[in-house]
Amino acid sequence: MPDRTELEDLFRPFGPVAIKRMFGGHGIYADGLMFALEASGEVYLKVDAESLPRFEAENLPPFVYETKHGQKHSMSYHLLPAAAYDDDDVLKHWARLALEAAYRAAGAKAGKARPKTAAAKKAPAKKVPAKKAPPKKR
């Protein structure tokens, strides 16, 4: 499994990245957005509807994981092309596609979140004088 330094070296031609350990692998971030992940020694890049056809055209498989119940799930990440490990320009091209997909995903999430508006303040409750108890009989 590549370590943090190896992943930083791999993406150095693309620009500065932050590597965070997660789920037995690593999340790879640029500009605060996760655009790649490393799992089981493989690097996967973020895809979306716009970039997916390019990954499929290169027959780059999706990242698939198995749940503890044996179900398989794929995520919106596809394998980094092998040529990207040896060619800085290829790496930059594919990493840029992934970061653009991450930006679009972040923008879509921001658009879904409704801005919180301040609730209209209610007028303070009026103080009503307490009723006096009737005098006690002796």
N, C-alpha and C. Protein backbone atom coordinates (compact mmCIF):
# COMPACT_ATOMS: atom_id res chain seq x y z
N MET A 1 0.85 -1.17 0.00
CA MET A 1 0.00 0.00 0.00
C MET A 1 0.89 1.24 0.00
N PRO A 2 0.62 2.20 -0.90
CA PRO A 2 1.42 3.42 -0.90
C PRO A 2 1.21 4.18 0.41
N ASP A 3 2.28 4.77 0.90
CA ASP A 3 2.13 5.57 2.11
C ASP A 3 1.91 7.03 1.73
N ARG A 4 1.76 7.86 2.73
CA ARG A 4 1.48 9.28 2.53
C ARG A 4 2.52 9.94 1.62
N THR A 5 3.79 9.67 1.86
CA THR A 5 4.87 10.28 1.07
C THR A 5 4.79 9.85 -0.39
N GLU A 6 4.53 8.57 -0.64
CA GLU A 6 4.44 8.08 -2.02
C GLU A 6 3.26 8.73 -2.75
N LEU A 7 2.15 8.91 -2.05
CA LEU A 7 0.99 9.56 -2.68
C LEU A 7 1.27 11.03 -2.95
N GLU A 8 1.92 11.71 -2.01
CA GLU A 8 2.29 13.11 -2.24
C GLU A 8 3.23 13.23 -3.43
N ASP A 9 4.20 12.30 -3.54
CA ASP A 9 5.13 12.30 -4.67
C ASP A 9 4.40 12.05 -5.99
N LEU A 10 3.45 11.13 -5.98
CA LEU A 10 2.70 10.81 -7.19
C LEU A 10 1.97 12.05 -7.70
N PHE A 11 1.33 12.80 -6.79
CA PHE A 11 0.52 13.94 -7.20
C PHE A 11 1.30 15.26 -7.25
N ARG A 12 2.58 15.24 -6.93
CA ARG A 12 3.39 16.47 -6.93
C ARG A 12 3.27 17.26 -8.24
N PRO A 13 3.31 16.61 -9.43
CA PRO A 13 3.18 17.38 -10.67
C PRO A 13 1.84 18.11 -10.78
N PHE A 14 0.82 17.60 -10.13
CA PHE A 14 -0.51 18.19 -10.17
C PHE A 14 -0.59 19.41 -9.26
N GLY A 15 0.07 19.34 -8.13
CA GLY A 15 0.04 20.44 -7.17
C GLY A 15 -0.02 19.89 -5.76
N PRO A 16 -0.08 20.78 -4.77
CA PRO A 16 -0.09 20.33 -3.38
C PRO A 16 -1.37 19.57 -3.05
N VAL A 17 -1.21 18.48 -2.34
CA VAL A 17 -2.36 17.69 -1.90
C VAL A 17 -2.22 17.41 -0.41
N ALA A 18 -3.35 17.13 0.20
CA ALA A 18 -3.37 16.70 1.60
C ALA A 18 -3.81 15.25 1.60
N ILE A 19 -3.16 14.45 2.39
CA ILE A 19 -3.47 13.02 2.47
C ILE A 19 -4.03 12.75 3.86
N LYS A 20 -5.20 12.13 3.90
CA LYS A 20 -5.82 11.79 5.19
C LYS A 20 -6.12 10.30 5.21
N ARG A 21 -5.77 9.67 6.30
CA ARG A 21 -6.01 8.24 6.46
C ARG A 21 -7.50 8.01 6.66
N MET A 22 -8.04 7.02 5.96
CA MET A 22 -9.46 6.70 6.13
C MET A 22 -9.76 5.28 5.67
N PHE A 23 -10.54 4.57 6.45
CA PHE A 23 -11.04 3.24 6.10
C PHE A 23 -9.97 2.30 5.57
N GLY A 24 -8.81 2.31 6.17
CA GLY A 24 -7.74 1.42 5.74
C GLY A 24 -7.01 1.90 4.50
N GLY A 25 -7.37 3.05 3.99
CA GLY A 25 -6.71 3.63 2.83
C GLY A 25 -6.41 5.09 3.09
N HIS A 26 -6.48 5.89 2.03
CA HIS A 26 -6.19 7.31 2.15
C HIS A 26 -7.17 8.11 1.30
N GLY A 27 -7.59 9.25 1.82
CA GLY A 27 -8.31 10.24 1.03
C GLY A 27 -7.30 11.26 0.54
N ILE A 28 -7.41 11.69 -0.69
CA ILE A 28 -6.46 12.64 -1.29
C ILE A 28 -7.24 13.91 -1.63
N TYR A 29 -6.79 15.03 -1.06
CA TYR A 29 -7.52 16.29 -1.13
C TYR A 29 -6.70 17.37 -1.82
N ALA A 30 -7.39 18.22 -2.56
CA ALA A 30 -6.81 19.45 -3.11
C ALA A 30 -7.87 20.53 -2.93
N ASP A 31 -7.44 21.69 -2.54
CA ASP A 31 -8.37 22.81 -2.30
C ASP A 31 -9.47 22.42 -1.32
N GLY A 32 -9.15 21.55 -0.38
CA GLY A 32 -10.12 21.15 0.63
C GLY A 32 -11.15 20.14 0.16
N LEU A 33 -11.03 19.65 -1.06
CA LEU A 33 -11.99 18.70 -1.62
C LEU A 33 -11.32 17.35 -1.87
N MET A 34 -12.01 16.28 -1.50
CA MET A 34 -11.48 14.95 -1.78
C MET A 34 -11.72 14.64 -3.26
N PHE A 35 -10.64 14.46 -4.00
CA PHE A 35 -10.76 14.19 -5.43
C PHE A 35 -10.20 12.83 -5.80
N ALA A 36 -9.58 12.15 -4.85
CA ALA A 36 -9.01 10.83 -5.13
C ALA A 36 -8.96 10.04 -3.83
N LEU A 37 -8.84 8.73 -3.99
CA LEU A 37 -8.67 7.88 -2.82
C LEU A 37 -7.73 6.74 -3.17
N GLU A 38 -7.08 6.24 -2.15
CA GLU A 38 -6.21 5.07 -2.31
C GLU A 38 -6.80 3.97 -1.45
N ALA A 39 -6.99 2.81 -2.04
CA ALA A 39 -7.50 1.65 -1.31
C ALA A 39 -6.85 0.41 -1.88
N SER A 40 -6.36 -0.44 -1.00
CA SER A 40 -5.72 -1.70 -1.40
C SER A 40 -4.61 -1.49 -2.42
N GLY A 41 -3.88 -0.39 -2.28
CA GLY A 41 -2.75 -0.14 -3.16
C GLY A 41 -3.09 0.48 -4.50
N GLU A 42 -4.36 0.73 -4.76
CA GLU A 42 -4.80 1.33 -6.02
C GLU A 42 -5.27 2.76 -5.77
N VAL A 43 -5.08 3.63 -6.76
CA VAL A 43 -5.54 5.01 -6.66
C VAL A 43 -6.75 5.18 -7.57
N TYR A 44 -7.80 5.78 -7.03
CA TYR A 44 -9.04 6.02 -7.75
C TYR A 44 -9.32 7.52 -7.77
N LEU A 45 -9.92 8.00 -8.86
CA LEU A 45 -10.22 9.41 -9.03
C LEU A 45 -11.72 9.65 -9.03
N LYS A 46 -12.13 10.79 -8.51
CA LYS A 46 -13.54 11.19 -8.45
C LYS A 46 -14.10 11.35 -9.86
N VAL A 47 -15.31 10.84 -10.06
CA VAL A 47 -16.00 11.00 -11.34
C VAL A 47 -17.41 11.52 -11.08
N ASP A 48 -18.01 12.07 -12.11
CA ASP A 48 -19.41 12.46 -12.07
C ASP A 48 -19.99 12.21 -13.46
N ALA A 49 -21.23 12.60 -13.68
CA ALA A 49 -21.88 12.32 -14.96
C ALA A 49 -21.11 12.94 -16.13
N GLU A 50 -20.48 14.07 -15.89
CA GLU A 50 -19.75 14.74 -16.97
C GLU A 50 -18.44 14.04 -17.31
N SER A 51 -17.72 13.56 -16.30
CA SER A 51 -16.40 12.96 -16.56
C SER A 51 -16.45 11.44 -16.72
N LEU A 52 -17.50 10.80 -16.28
CA LEU A 52 -17.59 9.34 -16.32
C LEU A 52 -17.34 8.76 -17.71
N PRO A 53 -17.90 9.32 -18.79
CA PRO A 53 -17.65 8.72 -20.11
C PRO A 53 -16.17 8.62 -20.47
N ARG A 54 -15.36 9.56 -20.00
CA ARG A 54 -13.92 9.51 -20.31
C ARG A 54 -13.26 8.33 -19.60
N PHE A 55 -13.68 8.06 -18.38
CA PHE A 55 -13.13 6.93 -17.63
C PHE A 55 -13.61 5.61 -18.25
N GLU A 56 -14.88 5.57 -18.63
CA GLU A 56 -15.41 4.36 -19.25
C GLU A 56 -14.75 4.09 -20.60
N ALA A 57 -14.46 5.14 -21.36
CA ALA A 57 -13.81 4.97 -22.67
C ALA A 57 -12.43 4.33 -22.52
N GLU A 58 -11.80 4.54 -21.37
CA GLU A 58 -10.48 3.95 -21.09
C GLU A 58 -10.60 2.63 -20.33
N ASN A 59 -11.82 2.14 -20.14
CA ASN A 59 -12.07 0.89 -19.41
C ASN A 59 -11.49 0.92 -17.99
N LEU A 60 -11.64 2.06 -17.32
CA LEU A 60 -11.14 2.21 -15.96
C LEU A 60 -12.27 1.84 -15.00
N PRO A 61 -12.10 0.77 -14.23
CA PRO A 61 -13.18 0.27 -13.38
C PRO A 61 -13.44 1.17 -12.18
N PRO A 62 -14.68 1.09 -11.65
CA PRO A 62 -15.01 1.88 -10.46
C PRO A 62 -14.43 1.25 -9.20
N PHE A 63 -14.34 2.06 -8.17
CA PHE A 63 -13.97 1.57 -6.85
C PHE A 63 -15.18 0.85 -6.28
N VAL A 64 -15.01 -0.41 -5.93
CA VAL A 64 -16.10 -1.21 -5.37
C VAL A 64 -15.63 -1.76 -4.04
N TYR A 65 -16.50 -1.69 -3.04
CA TYR A 65 -16.18 -2.26 -1.74
C TYR A 65 -17.29 -3.20 -1.32
N GLU A 66 -16.95 -4.11 -0.44
CA GLU A 66 -17.91 -5.10 0.04
C GLU A 66 -18.26 -4.78 1.49
N THR A 67 -19.56 -4.77 1.77
CA THR A 67 -20.01 -4.50 3.14
C THR A 67 -19.80 -5.74 3.99
N LYS A 68 -19.98 -5.58 5.29
CA LYS A 68 -19.81 -6.73 6.18
C LYS A 68 -20.90 -7.78 5.95
N HIS A 69 -21.96 -7.40 5.22
CA HIS A 69 -23.03 -8.35 4.90
C HIS A 69 -22.84 -8.97 3.52
N GLY A 70 -21.69 -8.69 2.89
CA GLY A 70 -21.37 -9.30 1.60
C GLY A 70 -21.92 -8.57 0.39
N GLN A 71 -22.56 -7.43 0.59
CA GLN A 71 -23.08 -6.66 -0.54
C GLN A 71 -21.96 -5.82 -1.14
N LYS A 72 -21.97 -5.68 -2.46
CA LYS A 72 -20.96 -4.87 -3.14
C LYS A 72 -21.56 -3.53 -3.52
N HIS A 73 -20.80 -2.48 -3.24
CA HIS A 73 -21.23 -1.11 -3.56
C HIS A 73 -20.11 -0.42 -4.32
N SER A 74 -20.51 0.35 -5.33
CA SER A 74 -19.50 1.15 -6.04
C SER A 74 -19.69 2.61 -5.64
N MET A 75 -18.60 3.33 -5.74
CA MET A 75 -18.63 4.75 -5.40
C MET A 75 -18.27 5.54 -6.65
N SER A 76 -18.36 6.85 -6.56
CA SER A 76 -18.09 7.71 -7.71
C SER A 76 -16.60 7.97 -7.87
N TYR A 77 -15.83 6.89 -7.85
CA TYR A 77 -14.37 6.96 -8.06
C TYR A 77 -13.99 5.84 -9.02
N HIS A 78 -13.11 6.16 -9.98
CA HIS A 78 -12.64 5.16 -10.94
C HIS A 78 -11.12 5.12 -10.92
N LEU A 79 -10.59 3.98 -11.32
CA LEU A 79 -9.16 3.72 -11.28
C LEU A 79 -8.35 4.76 -12.06
N LEU A 80 -7.24 5.17 -11.49
CA LEU A 80 -6.29 6.06 -12.16
C LEU A 80 -5.62 5.26 -13.28
N PRO A 81 -5.53 5.82 -14.50
CA PRO A 81 -4.86 5.09 -15.59
C PRO A 81 -3.41 4.78 -15.24
N ALA A 82 -2.94 3.62 -15.65
CA ALA A 82 -1.56 3.19 -15.37
C ALA A 82 -0.55 4.18 -15.93
N ALA A 83 -0.84 4.79 -17.08
CA ALA A 83 0.10 5.73 -17.70
C ALA A 83 0.35 6.95 -16.83
N ALA A 84 -0.58 7.26 -15.93
CA ALA A 84 -0.43 8.44 -15.06
C ALA A 84 0.71 8.28 -14.05
N TYR A 85 1.09 7.04 -13.78
CA TYR A 85 2.18 6.81 -12.83
C TYR A 85 3.55 7.17 -13.42
N ASP A 86 3.64 7.18 -14.76
CA ASP A 86 4.92 7.43 -15.43
C ASP A 86 4.95 8.74 -16.21
N ASP A 87 3.81 9.35 -16.43
CA ASP A 87 3.75 10.54 -17.28
C ASP A 87 3.04 11.67 -16.52
N ASP A 88 3.79 12.71 -16.18
CA ASP A 88 3.24 13.82 -15.40
C ASP A 88 2.07 14.50 -16.09
N ASP A 89 2.14 14.64 -17.42
CA ASP A 89 1.05 15.29 -18.14
C ASP A 89 -0.22 14.47 -18.08
N VAL A 90 -0.09 13.16 -18.18
CA VAL A 90 -1.26 12.27 -18.08
C VAL A 90 -1.85 12.38 -16.67
N LEU A 91 -0.99 12.36 -15.67
CA LEU A 91 -1.46 12.49 -14.29
C LEU A 91 -2.22 13.80 -14.10
N LYS A 92 -1.64 14.90 -14.56
CA LYS A 92 -2.28 16.21 -14.39
C LYS A 92 -3.64 16.25 -15.08
N HIS A 93 -3.72 15.68 -16.27
CA HIS A 93 -4.99 15.66 -17.01
C HIS A 93 -6.08 14.94 -16.21
N TRP A 94 -5.78 13.73 -15.76
CA TRP A 94 -6.79 12.94 -15.06
C TRP A 94 -7.10 13.51 -13.68
N ALA A 95 -6.09 14.00 -12.98
CA ALA A 95 -6.32 14.60 -11.66
C ALA A 95 -7.18 15.86 -11.80
N ARG A 96 -6.95 16.63 -12.85
CA ARG A 96 -7.76 17.83 -13.09
C ARG A 96 -9.22 17.45 -13.33
N LEU A 97 -9.46 16.40 -14.12
CA LEU A 97 -10.83 15.94 -14.33
C LEU A 97 -11.49 15.57 -13.00
N ALA A 98 -10.74 14.89 -12.15
CA ALA A 98 -11.27 14.47 -10.86
C ALA A 98 -11.56 15.65 -9.95
N LEU A 99 -10.66 16.62 -9.92
CA LEU A 99 -10.89 17.79 -9.07
C LEU A 99 -12.08 18.61 -9.58
N GLU A 100 -12.23 18.71 -10.89
CA GLU A 100 -13.40 19.41 -11.45
C GLU A 100 -14.69 18.70 -11.04
N ALA A 101 -14.68 17.36 -11.05
CA ALA A 101 -15.86 16.61 -10.60
C ALA A 101 -16.13 16.87 -9.13
N ALA A 102 -15.08 16.96 -8.33
CA ALA A 102 -15.25 17.24 -6.90
C ALA A 102 -15.83 18.63 -6.69
N TYR A 103 -15.38 19.61 -7.49
CA TYR A 103 -15.95 20.96 -7.40
C TYR A 103 -17.43 20.95 -7.77
N ARG A 104 -17.78 20.24 -8.83
CA ARG A 104 -19.19 20.18 -9.23
C ARG A 104 -20.04 19.52 -8.15
N ALA A 105 -19.51 18.47 -7.55
CA ALA A 105 -20.25 17.79 -6.48
C ALA A 105 -20.43 18.71 -5.27
N ALA A 106 -19.40 19.45 -4.93
CA ALA A 106 -19.49 20.39 -3.80
C ALA A 106 -20.49 21.49 -4.11
N GLY A 107 -20.50 21.96 -5.36
CA GLY A 107 -21.45 23.00 -5.75
C GLY A 107 -22.87 22.49 -5.72
N ALA A 108 -23.08 21.25 -6.12
CA ALA A 108 -24.42 20.66 -6.09
C ALA A 108 -24.90 20.52 -4.66
N LYS A 109 -24.02 20.12 -3.76
CA LYS A 109 -24.40 19.99 -2.36
C LYS A 109 -24.73 21.36 -1.77
N ALA A 110 -23.94 22.36 -2.13
CA ALA A 110 -24.18 23.71 -1.61
C ALA A 110 -25.51 24.24 -2.14
N GLY A 111 -25.85 23.90 -3.37
CA GLY A 111 -27.11 24.35 -3.95
C GLY A 111 -28.31 23.69 -3.30
N LYS A 112 -28.15 22.46 -2.84
CA LYS A 112 -29.25 21.74 -2.20
C LYS A 112 -29.51 22.27 -0.80
N ALA A 113 -28.46 22.70 -0.13
CA ALA A 113 -28.62 23.19 1.24
C ALA A 113 -29.32 24.54 1.19
N ARG A 114 -30.41 24.64 1.90
CA ARG A 114 -31.14 25.89 1.93
C ARG A 114 -30.50 26.79 2.97
N PRO A 115 -30.30 28.04 2.63
CA PRO A 115 -29.72 28.93 3.63
C PRO A 115 -30.67 29.09 4.80
N LYS A 116 -30.12 29.07 5.97
CA LYS A 116 -30.94 29.22 7.16
C LYS A 116 -31.26 30.69 7.33
N THR A 117 -32.54 30.98 7.45
CA THR A 117 -32.94 32.35 7.69
C THR A 117 -33.27 32.49 9.16
N ALA A 118 -33.04 33.66 9.65
CA ALA A 118 -33.33 33.89 11.07
C ALA A 118 -34.84 33.81 11.26
N ALA A 119 -35.25 33.08 12.25
CA ALA A 119 -36.67 32.96 12.54
C ALA A 119 -37.18 34.31 13.01
N ALA A 120 -38.40 34.63 12.60
CA ALA A 120 -38.98 35.90 13.05
C ALA A 120 -39.09 35.85 14.57
N LYS A 121 -38.63 36.92 15.17
CA LYS A 121 -38.66 36.94 16.63
C LYS A 121 -40.09 37.20 17.09
N LYS A 122 -40.48 36.45 18.06
CA LYS A 122 -41.80 36.65 18.65
C LYS A 122 -41.69 37.77 19.67
N ALA A 123 -42.79 38.45 19.83
CA ALA A 123 -42.82 39.49 20.86
C ALA A 123 -42.71 38.79 22.21
N PRO A 124 -42.00 39.40 23.14
CA PRO A 124 -41.89 38.75 24.44
C PRO A 124 -43.26 38.60 25.07
N ALA A 125 -43.43 37.52 25.78
CA ALA A 125 -44.71 37.26 26.44
C ALA A 125 -44.97 38.34 27.47
N LYS A 126 -46.24 38.75 27.53
CA LYS A 126 -46.60 39.77 28.51
C LYS A 126 -46.67 39.12 29.87
N LYS A 127 -46.20 39.87 30.84
CA LYS A 127 -46.28 39.35 32.20
C LYS A 127 -47.67 39.64 32.73
N VAL A 128 -48.30 38.60 33.14
CA VAL A 128 -49.63 38.74 33.73
C VAL A 128 -49.45 38.61 35.23
N PRO A 129 -49.97 39.59 35.98
CA PRO A 129 -49.79 39.48 37.43
C PRO A 129 -50.44 38.20 37.93
N ALA A 130 -49.78 37.57 38.85
CA ALA A 130 -50.29 36.33 39.42
C ALA A 130 -51.55 36.63 40.22
N LYS A 131 -52.50 35.70 40.15
CA LYS A 131 -53.72 35.86 40.93
C LYS A 131 -53.40 35.60 42.39
N LYS A 132 -54.02 36.41 43.21
CA LYS A 132 -53.80 36.23 44.64
C LYS A 132 -54.71 35.13 45.12
N ALA A 133 -54.17 34.30 45.98
CA ALA A 133 -54.96 33.22 46.56
C ALA A 133 -55.97 33.83 47.54
N PRO A 134 -57.15 33.22 47.60
CA PRO A 134 -58.13 33.74 48.56
C PRO A 134 -57.60 33.57 49.99
N PRO A 135 -57.97 34.47 50.87
CA PRO A 135 -57.48 34.36 52.26
C PRO A 135 -57.93 33.04 52.87
N LYS A 136 -57.06 32.48 53.69
CA LYS A 136 -57.38 31.20 54.34
C LYS A 136 -58.39 31.43 55.45
N LYS A 137 -59.29 30.48 55.58
CA LYS A 137 -60.27 30.54 56.66
C LYS A 137 -59.63 30.00 57.91
N ARG A 138 -60.00 30.62 59.07
CA ARG A 138 -59.46 30.15 60.33
C ARG A 138 -60.45 29.42 61.11
